[in-house]
Amino acid sequence: MKTKIRVGTRGSRLAVTQTKQALAVLQQAFPEVTLEIIEITTKGDRLANHSLQAIGGQGAFVKEIEEQLTQEKIDLAVHSLKDVPTILPENLTLACVLKRQNPADCLVFPQAGQTLATLPQGAIVGTSSLRRKAQLLKIRPDLQIKDIRGNIDTRIKKMHDEDFDAIVLAVAGIARLSIEKDLFIEELPLEICIPAVSQGALGMECRKNDAELLAMLKTIEDSATLAAVQAERAFLAKMDGSCTFPIGCYATVAGDEVTIQGMIANSDGSVLLKETLTATDSISAGEKLAAELLAQGAGELIAACRSQN
């Protein structure tokens, strides 16, 4: 049995908070183990004022952490799973997925009493997510979508200091920081905004050859969340996906069935494809959903978005 585990995470307040929450689950299962948190600065953190597309997309928040895993400077990494590319370094594995929190997005407003429906014509909404932008513009093409970067605290401060009528955040991040009582929020239903792949889920990554740690992590895994995110990540992999075009997916598990819904759009949301299907195998569910959308013209949307970025 391991006596000490070095755990790598990004240094933001949210990253450290959710890492502590994840490790509390591990500590409860293995109270005799010492857990040390090591904060690591990633490219995404260093270049916080650049668009995610410009700095490498999805992997910008995990690469340096994975390098420290490979170099055996840490034993375990805790990630927001939505930040983790579908293809991992050869010697690493996604060892554990914990129970998912609410995967939805929400609008956050500077004042009470506002909703997406009541925002004025031409209202300025802050998000750097192409997925959120396209889905909001599909519903409200009059909105002005303005890039906003930084951690949750930074974006909330920018909302108040600058000319934003609303910003878009993940519900899970707000909940993990326990700041919902301080904010004016409207949760966006899936009919309006399908979340990012694995949004709301935390993943633990370690070396493939660390059999002892792998066995420990499997005891705390949430099987339903694992099945759901496997479907979503299979969908993303089949679509050759990252954060470089508007794509979203969400799966749920009931018994031995996986229901998965996905979307892909052009950059302004004027063309948006959606599909839902149910299957008994997670990975095949995701791959079948991707095939359905590709048959409807998703490949052309991907190519068009990439040519613009």
C-alpha atoms as a PDB file:
ATOM      1  CA  MET A   1       0.000   0.000   0.000  1.00  0.00           C
ATOM      2  CA  LYS A   2       1.295   3.451  -0.906  1.00  0.00           C
ATOM      3  CA  THR A   3       1.990   5.696   2.070  1.00  0.00           C
ATOM      4  CA  LYS A   4       2.311   8.995   0.154  1.00  0.00           C
ATOM      5  CA  ILE A   5       0.829  10.258  -3.114  1.00  0.00           C
ATOM      6  CA  ARG A   6       2.019  13.477  -4.780  1.00  0.00           C
ATOM      7  CA  VAL A   7      -0.910  15.094  -6.571  1.00  0.00           C
ATOM      8  CA  GLY A   8      -0.520  17.667  -9.347  1.00  0.00           C
ATOM      9  CA  THR A   9      -3.090  20.310 -10.173  1.00  0.00           C
ATOM     10  CA  ARG A  10      -3.356  23.766 -11.672  1.00  0.00           C
ATOM     11  CA  GLY A  11      -2.969  26.563  -9.151  1.00  0.00           C
ATOM     12  CA  SER A  12      -6.264  28.399  -9.654  1.00  0.00           C
ATOM     13  CA  ARG A  13      -8.686  28.614  -6.743  1.00  0.00           C
ATOM     14  CA  LEU A  14     -11.163  26.356  -8.550  1.00  0.00           C
ATOM     15  CA  ALA A  15      -8.518  23.786  -9.520  1.00  0.00           C
ATOM     16  CA  VAL A  16      -7.125  23.549  -5.992  1.00  0.00           C
ATOM     17  CA  THR A  17     -10.608  23.463  -4.446  1.00  0.00           C
ATOM     18  CA  GLN A  18     -11.852  20.660  -6.673  1.00  0.00           C
ATOM     19  CA  THR A  19      -8.604  18.745  -6.207  1.00  0.00           C
ATOM     20  CA  LYS A  20      -9.106  18.898  -2.437  1.00  0.00           C
ATOM     21  CA  GLN A  21     -12.699  17.709  -2.919  1.00  0.00           C
ATOM     22  CA  ALA A  22     -11.528  14.799  -5.077  1.00  0.00           C
ATOM     23  CA  LEU A  23      -8.783  13.863  -2.640  1.00  0.00           C
ATOM     24  CA  ALA A  24     -11.240  13.887   0.249  1.00  0.00           C
ATOM     25  CA  VAL A  25     -12.928  10.922  -1.457  1.00  0.00           C
ATOM     26  CA  LEU A  26      -9.583   9.149  -1.826  1.00  0.00           C
ATOM     27  CA  GLN A  27      -8.571   9.987   1.754  1.00  0.00           C
ATOM     28  CA  GLN A  28     -11.814   8.569   3.115  1.00  0.00           C
ATOM     29  CA  ALA A  29     -11.136   5.285   1.341  1.00  0.00           C
ATOM     30  CA  PHE A  30      -7.453   5.220   2.364  1.00  0.00           C
ATOM     31  CA  PRO A  31      -7.082   7.260   5.587  1.00  0.00           C
ATOM     32  CA  GLU A  32      -3.538   6.040   6.219  1.00  0.00           C
ATOM     33  CA  VAL A  33      -2.176   7.595   2.992  1.00  0.00           C
ATOM     34  CA  THR A  34      -0.539  11.046   3.003  1.00  0.00           C
ATOM     35  CA  LEU A  35      -1.674  13.239   0.092  1.00  0.00           C
ATOM     36  CA  GLU A  36       0.517  16.152  -1.009  1.00  0.00           C
ATOM     37  CA  ILE A  37      -0.873  18.749  -3.450  1.00  0.00           C
ATOM     38  CA  ILE A  38       1.645  20.263  -5.883  1.00  0.00           C
ATOM     39  CA  GLU A  39       0.460  23.295  -7.862  1.00  0.00           C
ATOM     40  CA  ILE A  40       1.634  23.443 -11.483  1.00  0.00           C
ATOM     41  CA  THR A  41       1.366  26.407 -13.857  1.00  0.00           C
ATOM     42  CA  THR A  42       0.170  25.416 -17.337  1.00  0.00           C
ATOM     43  CA  LYS A  43       0.378  27.194 -20.677  1.00  0.00           C
ATOM     44  CA  GLY A  44      -3.302  28.037 -20.390  1.00  0.00           C
ATOM     45  CA  ASP A  45      -2.630  29.760 -17.067  1.00  0.00           C
ATOM     46  CA  ARG A  46       0.419  31.682 -18.326  1.00  0.00           C
ATOM     47  CA  LEU A  47      -1.373  32.950 -21.437  1.00  0.00           C
ATOM     48  CA  ALA A  48      -4.658  33.726 -19.728  1.00  0.00           C
ATOM     49  CA  ASN A  49      -5.401  36.688 -22.013  1.00  0.00           C
ATOM     50  CA  HIS A  50      -5.123  34.667 -25.220  1.00  0.00           C
ATOM     51  CA  SER A  51      -7.962  32.688 -26.766  1.00  0.00           C
ATOM     52  CA  LEU A  52      -7.909  28.969 -26.042  1.00  0.00           C
ATOM     53  CA  GLN A  53      -7.827  28.275 -29.781  1.00  0.00           C
ATOM     54  CA  ALA A  54      -4.658  30.384 -30.155  1.00  0.00           C
ATOM     55  CA  ILE A  55      -2.721  28.553 -27.424  1.00  0.00           C
ATOM     56  CA  GLY A  56      -3.424  24.980 -28.410  1.00  0.00           C
ATOM     57  CA  GLY A  57      -7.022  24.307 -27.469  1.00  0.00           C
ATOM     58  CA  GLN A  58      -8.038  21.574 -25.082  1.00  0.00           C
ATOM     59  CA  GLY A  59      -4.574  20.427 -23.974  1.00  0.00           C
ATOM     60  CA  ALA A  60      -3.407  23.874 -22.854  1.00  0.00           C
ATOM     61  CA  PHE A  61      -4.375  23.185 -19.236  1.00  0.00           C
ATOM     62  CA  VAL A  62      -2.902  19.692 -18.862  1.00  0.00           C
ATOM     63  CA  LYS A  63       0.347  19.344 -20.849  1.00  0.00           C
ATOM     64  CA  GLU A  64       2.749  20.543 -18.133  1.00  0.00           C
ATOM     65  CA  ILE A  65       0.968  18.437 -15.523  1.00  0.00           C
ATOM     66  CA  GLU A  66       1.255  15.347 -17.724  1.00  0.00           C
ATOM     67  CA  GLU A  67       4.963  16.069 -18.229  1.00  0.00           C
ATOM     68  CA  GLN A  68       5.497  16.007 -14.456  1.00  0.00           C
ATOM     69  CA  LEU A  69       3.609  12.699 -14.284  1.00  0.00           C
ATOM     70  CA  THR A  70       5.833  11.244 -16.993  1.00  0.00           C
ATOM     71  CA  GLN A  71       8.960  12.526 -15.216  1.00  0.00           C
ATOM     72  CA  GLU A  72       7.691  10.970 -11.938  1.00  0.00           C
ATOM     73  CA  LYS A  73       7.734  14.334 -10.151  1.00  0.00           C
ATOM     74  CA  ILE A  74       4.096  13.668  -9.227  1.00  0.00           C
ATOM     75  CA  ASP A  75       2.127  10.424  -8.944  1.00  0.00           C
ATOM     76  CA  LEU A  76      -1.389  11.592  -9.745  1.00  0.00           C
ATOM     77  CA  ALA A  77      -3.101  14.465 -11.552  1.00  0.00           C
ATOM     78  CA  VAL A  78      -6.603  15.789 -10.942  1.00  0.00           C
ATOM     79  CA  HIS A  79      -8.201  17.503 -13.938  1.00  0.00           C
ATOM     80  CA  SER A  80     -11.451  19.029 -15.019  1.00  0.00           C
ATOM     81  CA  LEU A  81     -12.072  16.211 -17.478  1.00  0.00           C
ATOM     82  CA  LYS A  82     -13.337  18.610 -20.147  1.00  0.00           C
ATOM     83  CA  ASP A  83      -9.745  19.949 -20.369  1.00  0.00           C
ATOM     84  CA  VAL A  84      -8.222  16.527 -21.078  1.00  0.00           C
ATOM     85  CA  PRO A  85      -7.664  15.599 -24.762  1.00  0.00           C
ATOM     86  CA  THR A  86      -9.099  12.305 -25.971  1.00  0.00           C
ATOM     87  CA  ILE A  87      -5.599  11.041 -26.826  1.00  0.00           C
ATOM     88  CA  LEU A  88      -3.319  10.756 -23.789  1.00  0.00           C
ATOM     89  CA  PRO A  89       0.472  10.357 -23.689  1.00  0.00           C
ATOM     90  CA  GLU A  90       1.451   6.730 -24.272  1.00  0.00           C
ATOM     91  CA  ASN A  91       2.548   6.032 -20.692  1.00  0.00           C
ATOM     92  CA  LEU A  92      -0.432   7.688 -18.956  1.00  0.00           C
ATOM     93  CA  THR A  93      -4.023   6.614 -18.368  1.00  0.00           C
ATOM     94  CA  LEU A  94      -7.292   8.078 -17.167  1.00  0.00           C
ATOM     95  CA  ALA A  95      -7.385   6.017 -13.997  1.00  0.00           C
ATOM     96  CA  CYS A  96     -10.555   7.231 -12.289  1.00  0.00           C
ATOM     97  CA  VAL A  97     -13.621   9.399 -12.892  1.00  0.00           C
ATOM     98  CA  LEU A  98     -15.539  10.688  -9.880  1.00  0.00           C
ATOM     99  CA  LYS A  99     -19.276  11.315  -9.611  1.00  0.00           C
ATOM    100  CA  ARG A 100     -20.246  14.107 -11.936  1.00  0.00           C
ATOM    101  CA  GLN A 101     -21.689  17.401 -10.797  1.00  0.00           C
ATOM    102  CA  ASN A 102     -24.295  19.378 -12.742  1.00  0.00           C
ATOM    103  CA  PRO A 103     -22.896  19.577 -16.309  1.00  0.00           C
ATOM    104  CA  ALA A 104     -24.972  22.587 -17.378  1.00  0.00           C
ATOM    105  CA  ASP A 105     -23.889  26.081 -18.341  1.00  0.00           C
ATOM    106  CA  CYS A 106     -25.460  29.168 -16.827  1.00  0.00           C
ATOM    107  CA  LEU A 107     -25.766  32.870 -17.483  1.00  0.00           C
ATOM    108  CA  VAL A 108     -24.480  35.118 -14.707  1.00  0.00           C
ATOM    109  CA  PHE A 109     -25.873  38.660 -14.555  1.00  0.00           C
ATOM    110  CA  PRO A 110     -24.627  41.832 -12.838  1.00  0.00           C
ATOM    111  CA  GLN A 111     -28.090  42.479 -11.371  1.00  0.00           C
ATOM    112  CA  ALA A 112     -31.049  40.404 -10.211  1.00  0.00           C
ATOM    113  CA  GLY A 113     -34.170  39.791 -12.264  1.00  0.00           C
ATOM    114  CA  GLN A 114     -32.567  39.126 -15.647  1.00  0.00           C
ATOM    115  CA  THR A 115     -32.848  36.130 -17.964  1.00  0.00           C
ATOM    116  CA  LEU A 116     -31.709  35.184 -21.451  1.00  0.00           C
ATOM    117  CA  ALA A 117     -35.178  36.088 -22.711  1.00  0.00           C
ATOM    118  CA  THR A 118     -35.190  39.544 -21.096  1.00  0.00           C
ATOM    119  CA  LEU A 119     -31.694  40.648 -22.122  1.00  0.00           C
ATOM    120  CA  PRO A 120     -32.035  43.776 -24.297  1.00  0.00           C
ATOM    121  CA  GLN A 121     -31.458  43.708 -28.057  1.00  0.00           C
ATOM    122  CA  GLY A 122     -27.737  43.675 -28.767  1.00  0.00           C
ATOM    123  CA  ALA A 123     -26.804  42.777 -25.192  1.00  0.00           C
ATOM    124  CA  ILE A 124     -23.120  41.946 -24.635  1.00  0.00           C
ATOM    125  CA  VAL A 125     -22.512  38.407 -23.346  1.00  0.00           C
ATOM    126  CA  GLY A 126     -19.042  37.269 -22.332  1.00  0.00           C
ATOM    127  CA  THR A 127     -17.688  33.862 -23.294  1.00  0.00           C
ATOM    128  CA  SER A 128     -14.610  32.602 -25.120  1.00  0.00           C
ATOM    129  CA  SER A 129     -16.244  29.235 -25.834  1.00  0.00           C
ATOM    130  CA  LEU A 130     -17.162  28.713 -29.488  1.00  0.00           C
ATOM    131  CA  ARG A 131     -19.718  26.121 -28.363  1.00  0.00           C
ATOM    132  CA  ARG A 132     -21.501  28.509 -26.005  1.00  0.00           C
ATOM    133  CA  LYS A 133     -21.343  31.336 -28.534  1.00  0.00           C
ATOM    134  CA  ALA A 134     -22.931  29.315 -31.352  1.00  0.00           C
ATOM    135  CA  GLN A 135     -25.763  27.949 -29.208  1.00  0.00           C
ATOM    136  CA  LEU A 136     -26.609  31.346 -27.703  1.00  0.00           C
ATOM    137  CA  LEU A 137     -26.626  32.988 -31.132  1.00  0.00           C
ATOM    138  CA  LYS A 138     -28.928  30.259 -32.429  1.00  0.00           C
ATOM    139  CA  ILE A 139     -31.510  31.376 -29.850  1.00  0.00           C
ATOM    140  CA  ARG A 140     -30.625  35.087 -29.778  1.00  0.00           C
ATOM    141  CA  PRO A 141     -28.816  36.121 -32.993  1.00  0.00           C
ATOM    142  CA  ASP A 142     -28.971  39.760 -31.873  1.00  0.00           C
ATOM    143  CA  LEU A 143     -26.555  39.190 -28.980  1.00  0.00           C
ATOM    144  CA  GLN A 144     -23.007  40.533 -29.122  1.00  0.00           C
ATOM    145  CA  ILE A 145     -20.663  37.782 -27.941  1.00  0.00           C
ATOM    146  CA  LYS A 146     -17.433  39.182 -26.504  1.00  0.00           C
ATOM    147  CA  ASP A 147     -14.369  37.146 -25.539  1.00  0.00           C
ATOM    148  CA  ILE A 148     -13.640  36.893 -21.831  1.00  0.00           C
ATOM    149  CA  ARG A 149     -10.756  34.886 -20.347  1.00  0.00           C
ATOM    150  CA  GLY A 150      -9.435  34.117 -16.897  1.00  0.00           C
ATOM    151  CA  ASN A 151     -10.547  32.054 -13.938  1.00  0.00           C
ATOM    152  CA  ILE A 152     -14.058  32.286 -12.500  1.00  0.00           C
ATOM    153  CA  ASP A 153     -13.208  35.099 -10.081  1.00  0.00           C
ATOM    154  CA  THR A 154     -11.517  37.108 -12.845  1.00  0.00           C
ATOM    155  CA  ARG A 155     -14.464  36.726 -15.210  1.00  0.00           C
ATOM    156  CA  ILE A 156     -16.988  37.737 -12.561  1.00  0.00           C
ATOM    157  CA  LYS A 157     -14.895  40.833 -11.769  1.00  0.00           C
ATOM    158  CA  LYS A 158     -14.674  41.705 -15.482  1.00  0.00           C
ATOM    159  CA  MET A 159     -18.456  41.381 -15.754  1.00  0.00           C
ATOM    160  CA  HIS A 160     -18.882  44.066 -13.104  1.00  0.00           C
ATOM    161  CA  ASP A 161     -15.995  46.293 -14.226  1.00  0.00           C
ATOM    162  CA  GLU A 162     -16.583  46.185 -17.980  1.00  0.00           C
ATOM    163  CA  ASP A 163     -19.591  46.466 -20.287  1.00  0.00           C
ATOM    164  CA  PHE A 164     -21.005  42.945 -20.033  1.00  0.00           C
ATOM    165  CA  ASP A 165     -24.746  42.350 -19.661  1.00  0.00           C
ATOM    166  CA  ALA A 166     -24.035  38.709 -18.762  1.00  0.00           C
ATOM    167  CA  ILE A 167     -21.305  36.081 -18.847  1.00  0.00           C
ATOM    168  CA  VAL A 168     -21.489  32.306 -19.282  1.00  0.00           C
ATOM    169  CA  LEU A 169     -19.982  29.953 -16.697  1.00  0.00           C
ATOM    170  CA  ALA A 170     -20.210  26.252 -15.873  1.00  0.00           C
ATOM    171  CA  VAL A 171     -22.633  25.491 -13.048  1.00  0.00           C
ATOM    172  CA  ALA A 172     -20.219  22.906 -11.610  1.00  0.00           C
ATOM    173  CA  GLY A 173     -17.421  25.419 -11.109  1.00  0.00           C
ATOM    174  CA  ILE A 174     -19.717  27.825  -9.283  1.00  0.00           C
ATOM    175  CA  ALA A 175     -21.003  24.994  -7.081  1.00  0.00           C
ATOM    176  CA  ARG A 176     -17.515  23.724  -6.229  1.00  0.00           C
ATOM    177  CA  LEU A 177     -16.533  27.205  -5.048  1.00  0.00           C
ATOM    178  CA  SER A 178     -19.848  27.577  -3.153  1.00  0.00           C
ATOM    179  CA  ILE A 179     -20.424  31.061  -4.588  1.00  0.00           C
ATOM    180  CA  GLU A 180     -23.890  30.558  -6.113  1.00  0.00           C
ATOM    181  CA  LYS A 181     -25.529  32.496  -3.267  1.00  0.00           C
ATOM    182  CA  ASP A 182     -23.485  35.572  -4.255  1.00  0.00           C
ATOM    183  CA  LEU A 183     -24.491  35.502  -7.933  1.00  0.00           C
ATOM    184  CA  PHE A 184     -27.551  36.137 -10.104  1.00  0.00           C
ATOM    185  CA  ILE A 185     -27.797  32.999 -12.227  1.00  0.00           C
ATOM    186  CA  GLU A 186     -29.999  31.440 -14.891  1.00  0.00           C
ATOM    187  CA  GLU A 187     -29.176  27.807 -15.645  1.00  0.00           C
ATOM    188  CA  LEU A 188     -29.368  27.078 -19.368  1.00  0.00           C
ATOM    189  CA  PRO A 189     -31.374  23.929 -20.193  1.00  0.00           C
ATOM    190  CA  LEU A 190     -29.911  21.311 -22.511  1.00  0.00           C
ATOM    191  CA  GLU A 191     -32.447  22.318 -25.159  1.00  0.00           C
ATOM    192  CA  ILE A 192     -30.622  25.650 -25.386  1.00  0.00           C
ATOM    193  CA  CYS A 193     -27.023  24.765 -24.530  1.00  0.00           C
ATOM    194  CA  ILE A 194     -25.527  21.267 -24.689  1.00  0.00           C
ATOM    195  CA  PRO A 195     -22.422  21.226 -22.452  1.00  0.00           C
ATOM    196  CA  ALA A 196     -18.819  20.523 -23.338  1.00  0.00           C
ATOM    197  CA  VAL A 197     -17.681  16.914 -23.401  1.00  0.00           C
ATOM    198  CA  SER A 198     -17.181  15.721 -19.788  1.00  0.00           C
ATOM    199  CA  GLN A 199     -18.214  19.079 -18.305  1.00  0.00           C
ATOM    200  CA  GLY A 200     -18.837  18.733 -14.562  1.00  0.00           C
ATOM    201  CA  ALA A 201     -16.667  15.603 -14.216  1.00  0.00           C
ATOM    202  CA  LEU A 202     -13.292  15.293 -12.497  1.00  0.00           C
ATOM    203  CA  GLY A 203     -10.737  12.842 -13.846  1.00  0.00           C
ATOM    204  CA  MET A 204      -7.649  11.379 -12.186  1.00  0.00           C
ATOM    205  CA  GLU A 205      -4.668  10.556 -14.401  1.00  0.00           C
ATOM    206  CA  CYS A 206      -1.625   8.475 -13.474  1.00  0.00           C
ATOM    207  CA  ARG A 207       1.092   6.346 -15.035  1.00  0.00           C
ATOM    208  CA  LYS A 208      -0.020   3.089 -16.634  1.00  0.00           C
ATOM    209  CA  ASN A 209       2.649   1.138 -14.770  1.00  0.00           C
ATOM    210  CA  ASP A 210       1.568   2.319 -11.303  1.00  0.00           C
ATOM    211  CA  ALA A 211      -0.504  -0.787 -10.591  1.00  0.00           C
ATOM    212  CA  GLU A 212      -0.881  -0.064  -6.886  1.00  0.00           C
ATOM    213  CA  LEU A 213      -2.294   3.433  -7.412  1.00  0.00           C
ATOM    214  CA  LEU A 214      -4.517   2.240 -10.258  1.00  0.00           C
ATOM    215  CA  ALA A 215      -6.068  -0.371  -7.977  1.00  0.00           C
ATOM    216  CA  MET A 216      -6.684   2.227  -5.261  1.00  0.00           C
ATOM    217  CA  LEU A 217      -8.329   4.673  -7.665  1.00  0.00           C
ATOM    218  CA  LYS A 218     -10.666   2.061  -9.133  1.00  0.00           C
ATOM    219  CA  THR A 219     -12.267   1.627  -5.707  1.00  0.00           C
ATOM    220  CA  ILE A 220     -13.565   5.234  -5.705  1.00  0.00           C
ATOM    221  CA  GLU A 221     -14.661   5.482  -9.341  1.00  0.00           C
ATOM    222  CA  ASP A 222     -18.279   6.300 -10.219  1.00  0.00           C
ATOM    223  CA  SER A 223     -19.334   3.747 -12.835  1.00  0.00           C
ATOM    224  CA  ALA A 224     -22.277   5.731 -14.231  1.00  0.00           C
ATOM    225  CA  THR A 225     -20.163   8.847 -14.747  1.00  0.00           C
ATOM    226  CA  LEU A 226     -17.424   6.735 -16.330  1.00  0.00           C
ATOM    227  CA  ALA A 227     -19.862   5.224 -18.830  1.00  0.00           C
ATOM    228  CA  ALA A 228     -21.251   8.666 -19.697  1.00  0.00           C
ATOM    229  CA  VAL A 229     -17.903  10.360 -20.252  1.00  0.00           C
ATOM    230  CA  GLN A 230     -16.578   7.378 -22.210  1.00  0.00           C
ATOM    231  CA  ALA A 231     -19.462   7.888 -24.637  1.00  0.00           C
ATOM    232  CA  GLU A 232     -18.851  11.633 -24.841  1.00  0.00           C
ATOM    233  CA  ARG A 233     -15.101  11.284 -25.339  1.00  0.00           C
ATOM    234  CA  ALA A 234     -15.654   8.620 -28.019  1.00  0.00           C
ATOM    235  CA  PHE A 235     -17.937  11.081 -29.808  1.00  0.00           C
ATOM    236  CA  LEU A 236     -15.326  13.833 -29.603  1.00  0.00           C
ATOM    237  CA  ALA A 237     -12.531  11.545 -30.782  1.00  0.00           C
ATOM    238  CA  LYS A 238     -14.564  10.410 -33.790  1.00  0.00           C
ATOM    239  CA  MET A 239     -15.302  14.043 -34.672  1.00  0.00           C
ATOM    240  CA  ASP A 240     -11.568  14.840 -34.407  1.00  0.00           C
ATOM    241  CA  GLY A 241     -12.650  17.329 -31.802  1.00  0.00           C
ATOM    242  CA  SER A 242     -11.137  19.911 -29.519  1.00  0.00           C
ATOM    243  CA  CYS A 243     -12.081  23.447 -28.568  1.00  0.00           C
ATOM    244  CA  THR A 244     -11.319  24.697 -32.092  1.00  0.00           C
ATOM    245  CA  PHE A 245     -14.915  24.490 -33.317  1.00  0.00           C
ATOM    246  CA  PRO A 246     -18.382  24.588 -31.694  1.00  0.00           C
ATOM    247  CA  ILE A 247     -19.097  21.069 -30.449  1.00  0.00           C
ATOM    248  CA  GLY A 248     -20.932  19.740 -27.406  1.00  0.00           C
ATOM    249  CA  CYS A 249     -22.130  16.416 -26.080  1.00  0.00           C
ATOM    250  CA  TYR A 250     -23.891  15.002 -23.030  1.00  0.00           C
ATOM    251  CA  ALA A 251     -24.641  11.385 -22.107  1.00  0.00           C
ATOM    252  CA  THR A 252     -26.734   9.842 -19.347  1.00  0.00           C
ATOM    253  CA  VAL A 253     -26.885   6.249 -18.146  1.00  0.00           C
ATOM    254  CA  ALA A 254     -30.011   4.344 -17.098  1.00  0.00           C
ATOM    255  CA  GLY A 255     -29.551   0.655 -16.406  1.00  0.00           C
ATOM    256  CA  ASP A 256     -27.575  -0.777 -19.301  1.00  0.00           C
ATOM    257  CA  GLU A 257     -28.555   1.984 -21.731  1.00  0.00           C
ATOM    258  CA  VAL A 258     -26.598   5.106 -22.631  1.00  0.00           C
ATOM    259  CA  THR A 259     -28.503   8.054 -24.099  1.00  0.00           C
ATOM    260  CA  ILE A 260     -26.279  10.602 -25.763  1.00  0.00           C
ATOM    261  CA  GLN A 261     -27.015  13.917 -27.432  1.00  0.00           C
ATOM    262  CA  GLY A 262     -24.567  16.033 -29.371  1.00  0.00           C
ATOM    263  CA  MET A 263     -24.326  19.233 -31.358  1.00  0.00           C
ATOM    264  CA  ILE A 264     -22.025  20.872 -33.829  1.00  0.00           C
ATOM    265  CA  ALA A 265     -22.442  24.283 -35.408  1.00  0.00           C
ATOM    266  CA  ASN A 266     -20.834  26.921 -37.536  1.00  0.00           C
ATOM    267  CA  SER A 267     -19.252  29.870 -35.766  1.00  0.00           C
ATOM    268  CA  ASP A 268     -22.355  32.089 -35.610  1.00  0.00           C
ATOM    269  CA  GLY A 269     -24.876  29.340 -34.852  1.00  0.00           C
ATOM    270  CA  SER A 270     -26.852  29.940 -38.041  1.00  0.00           C
ATOM    271  CA  VAL A 271     -26.259  26.285 -38.932  1.00  0.00           C
ATOM    272  CA  LEU A 272     -26.529  23.962 -35.934  1.00  0.00           C
ATOM    273  CA  LEU A 273     -26.877  20.184 -36.109  1.00  0.00           C
ATOM    274  CA  LYS A 274     -28.221  18.156 -33.175  1.00  0.00           C
ATOM    275  CA  GLU A 275     -28.844  14.442 -32.736  1.00  0.00           C
ATOM    276  CA  THR A 276     -29.776  12.057 -29.915  1.00  0.00           C
ATOM    277  CA  LEU A 277     -29.531   8.270 -29.752  1.00  0.00           C
ATOM    278  CA  THR A 278     -29.553   5.405 -27.257  1.00  0.00           C
ATOM    279  CA  ALA A 279     -27.254   2.360 -27.222  1.00  0.00           C
ATOM    280  CA  THR A 280     -26.070  -0.318 -24.812  1.00  0.00           C
ATOM    281  CA  ASP A 281     -22.332   0.292 -25.224  1.00  0.00           C
ATOM    282  CA  SER A 282     -20.787   3.633 -24.252  1.00  0.00           C
ATOM    283  CA  ILE A 283     -18.067   3.878 -26.854  1.00  0.00           C
ATOM    284  CA  SER A 284     -20.248   2.680 -29.725  1.00  0.00           C
ATOM    285  CA  ALA A 285     -22.934   5.179 -28.639  1.00  0.00           C
ATOM    286  CA  GLY A 286     -20.488   8.051 -29.005  1.00  0.00           C
ATOM    287  CA  GLU A 287     -19.111   6.782 -32.294  1.00  0.00           C
ATOM    288  CA  LYS A 288     -22.595   6.230 -33.751  1.00  0.00           C
ATOM    289  CA  LEU A 289     -23.642   9.741 -32.751  1.00  0.00           C
ATOM    290  CA  ALA A 290     -20.576  11.170 -34.479  1.00  0.00           C
ATOM    291  CA  ALA A 291     -21.341   9.138 -37.606  1.00  0.00           C
ATOM    292  CA  GLU A 292     -24.916  10.480 -37.640  1.00  0.00           C
ATOM    293  CA  LEU A 293     -23.769  14.101 -37.466  1.00  0.00           C
ATOM    294  CA  LEU A 294     -21.000  13.565 -40.010  1.00  0.00           C
ATOM    295  CA  ALA A 295     -23.613  12.132 -42.378  1.00  0.00           C
ATOM    296  CA  GLN A 296     -25.619  15.334 -41.907  1.00  0.00           C
ATOM    297  CA  GLY A 297     -22.706  17.569 -42.920  1.00  0.00           C
ATOM    298  CA  ALA A 298     -20.709  18.048 -39.719  1.00  0.00           C
ATOM    299  CA  GLY A 299     -17.433  17.604 -41.587  1.00  0.00           C
ATOM    300  CA  GLU A 300     -18.115  20.673 -43.702  1.00  0.00           C
ATOM    301  CA  LEU A 301     -18.887  22.723 -40.586  1.00  0.00           C
ATOM    302  CA  ILE A 302     -15.631  21.599 -38.959  1.00  0.00           C
ATOM    303  CA  ALA A 303     -13.610  22.499 -42.047  1.00  0.00           C
ATOM    304  CA  ALA A 304     -15.270  25.910 -42.312  1.00  0.00           C
ATOM    305  CA  CYS A 305     -14.642  26.729 -38.641  1.00  0.00           C
ATOM    306  CA  ARG A 306     -11.001  25.684 -38.832  1.00  0.00           C
ATOM    307  CA  SER A 307     -10.426  27.815 -41.923  1.00  0.00           C
ATOM    308  CA  GLN A 308     -11.672  30.855 -39.987  1.00  0.00           C
ATOM    309  CA  ASN A 309      -9.455  30.303 -36.915  1.00  0.00           C
END
